[in-house]
Amino acid sequence: MWPKILAVVGIILAIVIVLRLLKASVKWILRFVINAVVGLAILYLLNFIPGIDVKLNWVTAIVTGIFGVPAAVLFVIVSYFL
């Protein structure tokens, strides 16, 4: 009887741990995607301003995804001087 109860408690505990880990990783991935979309949208809209020519590619998407809006501003500043 006790081994079955311990097995059920162990399974429930394992499920709770996995769900907590997935929640944290899904939250992190969602934050990354939102940052990338907002950063790329800012870069896309700023490309309509004459004199600003920032290329939209995977590198800019990853950097703006990690660092957000400050990275988009940095890309604009760098493109202005290049």
PDB file of N, CA and C in Angstrom:
ATOM      1  N   MET A   1       0.824  -1.198   0.000  1.00  0.00           N
ATOM      2  CA  MET A   1       0.000   0.000   0.000  1.00  0.00           C
ATOM      3  C   MET A   1       0.863   1.254   0.000  1.00  0.00           C
ATOM      4  N   TRP A   2       1.886   1.311   0.895  1.00  0.00           N
ATOM      5  CA  TRP A   2       2.727   2.502   0.984  1.00  0.00           C
ATOM      6  C   TRP A   2       3.525   2.768  -0.289  1.00  0.00           C
ATOM      7  N   PRO A   3       4.035   1.747  -0.972  1.00  0.00           N
ATOM      8  CA  PRO A   3       4.769   2.028  -2.214  1.00  0.00           C
ATOM      9  C   PRO A   3       3.889   2.693  -3.286  1.00  0.00           C
ATOM     10  N   LYS A   4       2.621   2.294  -3.351  1.00  0.00           N
ATOM     11  CA  LYS A   4       1.720   2.923  -4.327  1.00  0.00           C
ATOM     12  C   LYS A   4       1.468   4.381  -3.985  1.00  0.00           C
ATOM     13  N   ILE A   5       1.283   4.670  -2.713  1.00  0.00           N
ATOM     14  CA  ILE A   5       1.038   6.047  -2.279  1.00  0.00           C
ATOM     15  C   ILE A   5       2.277   6.909  -2.565  1.00  0.00           C
ATOM     16  N   LEU A   6       3.461   6.363  -2.238  1.00  0.00           N
ATOM     17  CA  LEU A   6       4.698   7.098  -2.507  1.00  0.00           C
ATOM     18  C   LEU A   6       4.902   7.311  -4.004  1.00  0.00           C
ATOM     19  N   ALA A   7       4.537   6.340  -4.825  1.00  0.00           N
ATOM     20  CA  ALA A   7       4.664   6.480  -6.267  1.00  0.00           C
ATOM     21  C   ALA A   7       3.746   7.579  -6.787  1.00  0.00           C
ATOM     22  N   VAL A   8       2.504   7.619  -6.300  1.00  0.00           N
ATOM     23  CA  VAL A   8       1.557   8.654  -6.721  1.00  0.00           C
ATOM     24  C   VAL A   8       2.044  10.032  -6.293  1.00  0.00           C
ATOM     25  N   VAL A   9       2.533  10.150  -5.059  1.00  0.00           N
ATOM     26  CA  VAL A   9       3.054  11.431  -4.574  1.00  0.00           C
ATOM     27  C   VAL A   9       4.268  11.853  -5.405  1.00  0.00           C
ATOM     28  N   GLY A  10       5.137  10.902  -5.735  1.00  0.00           N
ATOM     29  CA  GLY A  10       6.311  11.195  -6.568  1.00  0.00           C
ATOM     30  C   GLY A  10       5.927  11.658  -7.955  1.00  0.00           C
ATOM     31  N   ILE A  11       4.928  11.029  -8.540  1.00  0.00           N
ATOM     32  CA  ILE A  11       4.476  11.425  -9.874  1.00  0.00           C
ATOM     33  C   ILE A  11       3.865  12.819  -9.835  1.00  0.00           C
ATOM     34  N   ILE A  12       3.065  13.088  -8.831  1.00  0.00           N
ATOM     35  CA  ILE A  12       2.454  14.413  -8.703  1.00  0.00           C
ATOM     36  C   ILE A  12       3.538  15.473  -8.510  1.00  0.00           C
ATOM     37  N   LEU A  13       4.527  15.179  -7.694  1.00  0.00           N
ATOM     38  CA  LEU A  13       5.628  16.115  -7.471  1.00  0.00           C
ATOM     39  C   LEU A  13       6.420  16.351  -8.754  1.00  0.00           C
ATOM     40  N   ALA A  14       6.673  15.308  -9.521  1.00  0.00           N
ATOM     41  CA  ALA A  14       7.389  15.444 -10.795  1.00  0.00           C
ATOM     42  C   ALA A  14       6.589  16.290 -11.783  1.00  0.00           C
ATOM     43  N   ILE A  15       5.290  16.093 -11.827  1.00  0.00           N
ATOM     44  CA  ILE A  15       4.437  16.879 -12.728  1.00  0.00           C
ATOM     45  C   ILE A  15       4.458  18.347 -12.332  1.00  0.00           C
ATOM     46  N   VAL A  16       4.397  18.635 -11.048  1.00  0.00           N
ATOM     47  CA  VAL A  16       4.433  20.029 -10.576  1.00  0.00           C
ATOM     48  C   VAL A  16       5.763  20.681 -10.949  1.00  0.00           C
ATOM     49  N   ILE A  17       6.869  19.968 -10.769  1.00  0.00           N
ATOM     50  CA  ILE A  17       8.186  20.521 -11.103  1.00  0.00           C
ATOM     51  C   ILE A  17       8.296  20.791 -12.595  1.00  0.00           C
ATOM     52  N   VAL A  18       7.860  19.858 -13.422  1.00  0.00           N
ATOM     53  CA  VAL A  18       7.920  20.044 -14.876  1.00  0.00           C
ATOM     54  C   VAL A  18       7.048  21.222 -15.305  1.00  0.00           C
ATOM     55  N   LEU A  19       5.858  21.342 -14.735  1.00  0.00           N
ATOM     56  CA  LEU A  19       4.986  22.454 -15.102  1.00  0.00           C
ATOM     57  C   LEU A  19       5.592  23.794 -14.701  1.00  0.00           C
ATOM     58  N   ARG A  20       6.242  23.844 -13.564  1.00  0.00           N
ATOM     59  CA  ARG A  20       6.905  25.096 -13.143  1.00  0.00           C
ATOM     60  C   ARG A  20       8.051  25.439 -14.078  1.00  0.00           C
ATOM     61  N   LEU A  21       8.826  24.443 -14.490  1.00  0.00           N
ATOM     62  CA  LEU A  21       9.928  24.693 -15.424  1.00  0.00           C
ATOM     63  C   LEU A  21       9.402  25.155 -16.776  1.00  0.00           C
ATOM     64  N   LEU A  22       8.335  24.536 -17.261  1.00  0.00           N
ATOM     65  CA  LEU A  22       7.765  24.933 -18.551  1.00  0.00           C
ATOM     66  C   LEU A  22       7.174  26.329 -18.482  1.00  0.00           C
ATOM     67  N   LYS A  23       6.585  26.668 -17.344  1.00  0.00           N
ATOM     68  CA  LYS A  23       6.012  27.994 -17.194  1.00  0.00           C
ATOM     69  C   LYS A  23       7.107  29.049 -17.283  1.00  0.00           C
ATOM     70  N   ALA A  24       8.230  28.800 -16.651  1.00  0.00           N
ATOM     71  CA  ALA A  24       9.334  29.756 -16.685  1.00  0.00           C
ATOM     72  C   ALA A  24       9.908  29.864 -18.089  1.00  0.00           C
ATOM     73  N   SER A  25      10.084  28.758 -18.771  1.00  0.00           N
ATOM     74  CA  SER A  25      10.670  28.816 -20.105  1.00  0.00           C
ATOM     75  C   SER A  25       9.694  29.422 -21.109  1.00  0.00           C
ATOM     76  N   VAL A  26       8.417  29.116 -21.004  1.00  0.00           N
ATOM     77  CA  VAL A  26       7.430  29.711 -21.904  1.00  0.00           C
ATOM     78  C   VAL A  26       7.362  31.215 -21.676  1.00  0.00           C
ATOM     79  N   LYS A  27       7.455  31.632 -20.422  1.00  0.00           N
ATOM     80  CA  LYS A  27       7.433  33.053 -20.114  1.00  0.00           C
ATOM     81  C   LYS A  27       8.649  33.740 -20.725  1.00  0.00           C
ATOM     82  N   TRP A  28       9.818  33.112 -20.642  1.00  0.00           N
ATOM     83  CA  TRP A  28      11.035  33.682 -21.194  1.00  0.00           C
ATOM     84  C   TRP A  28      10.960  33.753 -22.712  1.00  0.00           C
ATOM     85  N   ILE A  29      10.474  32.695 -23.347  1.00  0.00           N
ATOM     86  CA  ILE A  29      10.356  32.672 -24.806  1.00  0.00           C
ATOM     87  C   ILE A  29       9.347  33.713 -25.270  1.00  0.00           C
ATOM     88  N   LEU A  30       8.231  33.845 -24.575  1.00  0.00           N
ATOM     89  CA  LEU A  30       7.229  34.831 -24.943  1.00  0.00           C
ATOM     90  C   LEU A  30       7.792  36.249 -24.828  1.00  0.00           C
ATOM     91  N   ARG A  31       8.562  36.504 -23.776  1.00  0.00           N
ATOM     92  CA  ARG A  31       9.186  37.822 -23.608  1.00  0.00           C
ATOM     93  C   ARG A  31      10.169  38.101 -24.745  1.00  0.00           C
ATOM     94  N   PHE A  32      10.951  37.101 -25.126  1.00  0.00           N
ATOM     95  CA  PHE A  32      11.903  37.242 -26.221  1.00  0.00           C
ATOM     96  C   PHE A  32      11.189  37.568 -27.528  1.00  0.00           C
ATOM     97  N   VAL A  33      10.116  36.859 -27.823  1.00  0.00           N
ATOM     98  CA  VAL A  33       9.371  37.075 -29.063  1.00  0.00           C
ATOM     99  C   VAL A  33       8.736  38.464 -29.071  1.00  0.00           C
ATOM    100  N   ILE A  34       8.163  38.877 -27.954  1.00  0.00           N
ATOM    101  CA  ILE A  34       7.548  40.211 -27.893  1.00  0.00           C
ATOM    102  C   ILE A  34       8.606  41.292 -28.082  1.00  0.00           C
ATOM    103  N   ASN A  35       9.766  41.152 -27.442  1.00  0.00           N
ATOM    104  CA  ASN A  35      10.844  42.118 -27.624  1.00  0.00           C
ATOM    105  C   ASN A  35      11.300  42.174 -29.075  1.00  0.00           C
ATOM    106  N   ALA A  36      11.434  41.026 -29.714  1.00  0.00           N
ATOM    107  CA  ALA A  36      11.874  40.989 -31.105  1.00  0.00           C
ATOM    108  C   ALA A  36      10.860  41.662 -32.018  1.00  0.00           C
ATOM    109  N   VAL A  37       9.585  41.386 -31.810  1.00  0.00           N
ATOM    110  CA  VAL A  37       8.547  41.975 -32.664  1.00  0.00           C
ATOM    111  C   VAL A  37       8.477  43.488 -32.472  1.00  0.00           C
ATOM    112  N   VAL A  38       8.530  43.953 -31.236  1.00  0.00           N
ATOM    113  CA  VAL A  38       8.470  45.399 -30.975  1.00  0.00           C
ATOM    114  C   VAL A  38       9.706  46.091 -31.543  1.00  0.00           C
ATOM    115  N   GLY A  39      10.884  45.497 -31.321  1.00  0.00           N
ATOM    116  CA  GLY A  39      12.116  46.086 -31.843  1.00  0.00           C
ATOM    117  C   GLY A  39      12.124  46.144 -33.357  1.00  0.00           C
ATOM    118  N   LEU A  40      11.713  45.066 -34.011  1.00  0.00           N
ATOM    119  CA  LEU A  40      11.675  45.067 -35.468  1.00  0.00           C
ATOM    120  C   LEU A  40      10.609  46.010 -36.015  1.00  0.00           C
ATOM    121  N   ALA A  41       9.503  46.141 -35.309  1.00  0.00           N
ATOM    122  CA  ALA A  41       8.479  47.096 -35.742  1.00  0.00           C
ATOM    123  C   ALA A  41       9.011  48.522 -35.662  1.00  0.00           C
ATOM    124  N   ILE A  42       9.747  48.822 -34.607  1.00  0.00           N
ATOM    125  CA  ILE A  42      10.343  50.158 -34.483  1.00  0.00           C
ATOM    126  C   ILE A  42      11.346  50.388 -35.602  1.00  0.00           C
ATOM    127  N   LEU A  43      12.200  49.399 -35.866  1.00  0.00           N
ATOM    128  CA  LEU A  43      13.179  49.546 -36.946  1.00  0.00           C
ATOM    129  C   LEU A  43      12.495  49.697 -38.301  1.00  0.00           C
ATOM    130  N   TYR A  44      11.441  48.937 -38.527  1.00  0.00           N
ATOM    131  CA  TYR A  44      10.712  49.032 -39.792  1.00  0.00           C
ATOM    132  C   TYR A  44      10.101  50.418 -39.968  1.00  0.00           C
ATOM    133  N   LEU A  45       9.490  50.937 -38.923  1.00  0.00           N
ATOM    134  CA  LEU A  45       8.876  52.269 -39.022  1.00  0.00           C
ATOM    135  C   LEU A  45       9.929  53.367 -39.154  1.00  0.00           C
ATOM    136  N   LEU A  46      11.067  53.191 -38.502  1.00  0.00           N
ATOM    137  CA  LEU A  46      12.123  54.193 -38.604  1.00  0.00           C
ATOM    138  C   LEU A  46      12.801  54.181 -39.965  1.00  0.00           C
ATOM    139  N   ASN A  47      12.691  53.089 -40.709  1.00  0.00           N
ATOM    140  CA  ASN A  47      13.273  53.044 -42.048  1.00  0.00           C
ATOM    141  C   ASN A  47      12.550  53.975 -43.016  1.00  0.00           C
ATOM    142  N   PHE A  48      11.369  54.443 -42.663  1.00  0.00           N
ATOM    143  CA  PHE A  48      10.657  55.390 -43.517  1.00  0.00           C
ATOM    144  C   PHE A  48      11.219  56.804 -43.404  1.00  0.00           C
ATOM    145  N   ILE A  49      12.022  57.054 -42.377  1.00  0.00           N
ATOM    146  CA  ILE A  49      12.637  58.368 -42.199  1.00  0.00           C
ATOM    147  C   ILE A  49      13.850  58.447 -43.123  1.00  0.00           C
ATOM    148  N   PRO A  50      13.946  59.499 -43.930  1.00  0.00           N
ATOM    149  CA  PRO A  50      15.104  59.625 -44.830  1.00  0.00           C
ATOM    150  C   PRO A  50      16.410  59.698 -44.033  1.00  0.00           C
ATOM    151  N   GLY A  51      17.424  59.007 -44.507  1.00  0.00           N
ATOM    152  CA  GLY A  51      18.722  59.005 -43.848  1.00  0.00           C
ATOM    153  C   GLY A  51      18.933  57.838 -42.908  1.00  0.00           C
ATOM    154  N   ILE A  52      17.890  57.118 -42.585  1.00  0.00           N
ATOM    155  CA  ILE A  52      18.007  55.946 -41.707  1.00  0.00           C
ATOM    156  C   ILE A  52      17.759  54.710 -42.541  1.00  0.00           C
ATOM    157  N   ASP A  53      18.772  53.865 -42.606  1.00  0.00           N
ATOM    158  CA  ASP A  53      18.656  52.645 -43.405  1.00  0.00           C
ATOM    159  C   ASP A  53      19.194  51.471 -42.590  1.00  0.00           C
ATOM    160  N   VAL A  54      18.328  50.865 -41.800  1.00  0.00           N
ATOM    161  CA  VAL A  54      18.702  49.710 -40.980  1.00  0.00           C
ATOM    162  C   VAL A  54      18.189  48.461 -41.681  1.00  0.00           C
ATOM    163  N   LYS A  55      19.100  47.525 -41.905  1.00  0.00           N
ATOM    164  CA  LYS A  55      18.698  46.276 -42.539  1.00  0.00           C
ATOM    165  C   LYS A  55      17.941  45.406 -41.541  1.00  0.00           C
ATOM    166  N   LEU A  56      16.839  44.831 -41.968  1.00  0.00           N
ATOM    167  CA  LEU A  56      16.057  43.927 -41.117  1.00  0.00           C
ATOM    168  C   LEU A  56      16.420  42.496 -41.494  1.00  0.00           C
ATOM    169  N   ASN A  57      17.141  41.821 -40.595  1.00  0.00           N
ATOM    170  CA  ASN A  57      17.549  40.441 -40.835  1.00  0.00           C
ATOM    171  C   ASN A  57      17.543  39.684 -39.511  1.00  0.00           C
ATOM    172  N   TRP A  58      18.049  38.449 -39.534  1.00  0.00           N
ATOM    173  CA  TRP A  58      18.011  37.620 -38.328  1.00  0.00           C
ATOM    174  C   TRP A  58      18.878  38.190 -37.210  1.00  0.00           C
ATOM    175  N   VAL A  59      19.988  38.821 -37.566  1.00  0.00           N
ATOM    176  CA  VAL A  59      20.867  39.383 -36.538  1.00  0.00           C
ATOM    177  C   VAL A  59      20.158  40.504 -35.798  1.00  0.00           C
ATOM    178  N   THR A  60      19.539  41.412 -36.540  1.00  0.00           N
ATOM    179  CA  THR A  60      18.826  42.504 -35.873  1.00  0.00           C
ATOM    180  C   THR A  60      17.647  41.973 -35.072  1.00  0.00           C
ATOM    181  N   ALA A  61      17.002  40.922 -35.561  1.00  0.00           N
ATOM    182  CA  ALA A  61      15.873  40.336 -34.829  1.00  0.00           C
ATOM    183  C   ALA A  61      16.332  39.711 -33.514  1.00  0.00           C
ATOM    184  N   ILE A  62      17.437  38.984 -33.547  1.00  0.00           N
ATOM    185  CA  ILE A  62      17.930  38.347 -32.329  1.00  0.00           C
ATOM    186  C   ILE A  62      18.419  39.379 -31.325  1.00  0.00           C
ATOM    187  N   VAL A  63      19.167  40.380 -31.811  1.00  0.00           N
ATOM    188  CA  VAL A  63      19.701  41.392 -30.893  1.00  0.00           C
ATOM    189  C   VAL A  63      18.570  42.220 -30.292  1.00  0.00           C
ATOM    190  N   THR A  64      17.585  42.614 -31.098  1.00  0.00           N
ATOM    191  CA  THR A  64      16.459  43.360 -30.534  1.00  0.00           C
ATOM    192  C   THR A  64      15.591  42.462 -29.657  1.00  0.00           C
ATOM    193  N   GLY A  65      15.560  41.174 -29.932  1.00  0.00           N
ATOM    194  CA  GLY A  65      14.824  40.255 -29.071  1.00  0.00           C
ATOM    195  C   GLY A  65      15.462  40.127 -27.700  1.00  0.00           C
ATOM    196  N   ILE A  66      16.782  40.139 -27.672  1.00  0.00           N
ATOM    197  CA  ILE A  66      17.474  40.009 -26.392  1.00  0.00           C
ATOM    198  C   ILE A  66      17.465  41.323 -25.627  1.00  0.00           C
ATOM    199  N   PHE A  67      17.790  42.425 -26.319  1.00  0.00           N
ATOM    200  CA  PHE A  67      17.973  43.698 -25.630  1.00  0.00           C
ATOM    201  C   PHE A  67      16.805  44.668 -25.771  1.00  0.00           C
ATOM    202  N   GLY A  68      15.860  44.377 -26.658  1.00  0.00           N
ATOM    203  CA  GLY A  68      14.656  45.192 -26.761  1.00  0.00           C
ATOM    204  C   GLY A  68      14.855  46.511 -27.494  1.00  0.00           C
ATOM    205  N   VAL A  69      14.117  47.507 -27.060  1.00  0.00           N
ATOM    206  CA  VAL A  69      14.095  48.813 -27.713  1.00  0.00           C
ATOM    207  C   VAL A  69      15.466  49.506 -27.688  1.00  0.00           C
ATOM    208  N   PRO A  70      16.260  49.409 -26.604  1.00  0.00           N
ATOM    209  CA  PRO A  70      17.581  50.048 -26.645  1.00  0.00           C
ATOM    210  C   PRO A  70      18.453  49.539 -27.796  1.00  0.00           C
ATOM    211  N   ALA A  71      18.336  48.275 -28.141  1.00  0.00           N
ATOM    212  CA  ALA A  71      19.101  47.737 -29.268  1.00  0.00           C
ATOM    213  C   ALA A  71      18.624  48.350 -30.574  1.00  0.00           C
ATOM    214  N   ALA A  72      17.321  48.563 -30.712  1.00  0.00           N
ATOM    215  CA  ALA A  72      16.794  49.196 -31.918  1.00  0.00           C
ATOM    216  C   ALA A  72      17.332  50.617 -32.044  1.00  0.00           C
ATOM    217  N   VAL A  73      17.379  51.332 -30.936  1.00  0.00           N
ATOM    218  CA  VAL A  73      17.923  52.695 -30.950  1.00  0.00           C
ATOM    219  C   VAL A  73      19.405  52.652 -31.314  1.00  0.00           C
ATOM    220  N   LEU A  74      20.142  51.697 -30.797  1.00  0.00           N
ATOM    221  CA  LEU A  74      21.555  51.569 -31.105  1.00  0.00           C
ATOM    222  C   LEU A  74      21.768  51.272 -32.591  1.00  0.00           C
ATOM    223  N   PHE A  75      20.942  50.413 -33.177  1.00  0.00           N
ATOM    224  CA  PHE A  75      21.041  50.141 -34.604  1.00  0.00           C
ATOM    225  C   PHE A  75      20.796  51.401 -35.427  1.00  0.00           C
ATOM    226  N   VAL A  76      19.854  52.212 -35.010  1.00  0.00           N
ATOM    227  CA  VAL A  76      19.562  53.466 -35.727  1.00  0.00           C
ATOM    228  C   VAL A  76      20.762  54.407 -35.634  1.00  0.00           C
ATOM    229  N   ILE A  77      21.348  54.514 -34.462  1.00  0.00           N
ATOM    230  CA  ILE A  77      22.512  55.405 -34.283  1.00  0.00           C
ATOM    231  C   ILE A  77      23.693  54.918 -35.125  1.00  0.00           C
ATOM    232  N   VAL A  78      23.937  53.626 -35.102  1.00  0.00           N
ATOM    233  CA  VAL A  78      25.049  53.078 -35.881  1.00  0.00           C
ATOM    234  C   VAL A  78      24.800  53.256 -37.373  1.00  0.00           C
ATOM    235  N   SER A  79      23.580  53.038 -37.823  1.00  0.00           N
ATOM    236  CA  SER A  79      23.292  53.191 -39.259  1.00  0.00           C
ATOM    237  C   SER A  79      23.396  54.656 -39.698  1.00  0.00           C
ATOM    238  N   TYR A  80      23.152  55.565 -38.785  1.00  0.00           N
ATOM    239  CA  TYR A  80      23.261  56.996 -39.110  1.00  0.00           C
ATOM    240  C   TYR A  80      24.708  57.364 -39.401  1.00  0.00           C
ATOM    241  N   PHE A  81      25.652  56.778 -38.640  1.00  0.00           N
ATOM    242  CA  PHE A  81      27.050  57.104 -38.836  1.00  0.00           C
ATOM    243  C   PHE A  81      27.711  56.296 -39.949  1.00  0.00           C
ATOM    244  N   LEU A  82      27.115  55.198 -40.352  1.00  0.00           N
ATOM    245  CA  LEU A  82      27.689  54.399 -41.438  1.00  0.00           C
ATOM    246  C   LEU A  82      27.088  54.855 -42.700  1.00  0.00           C
TER     247      LEU A  82
END
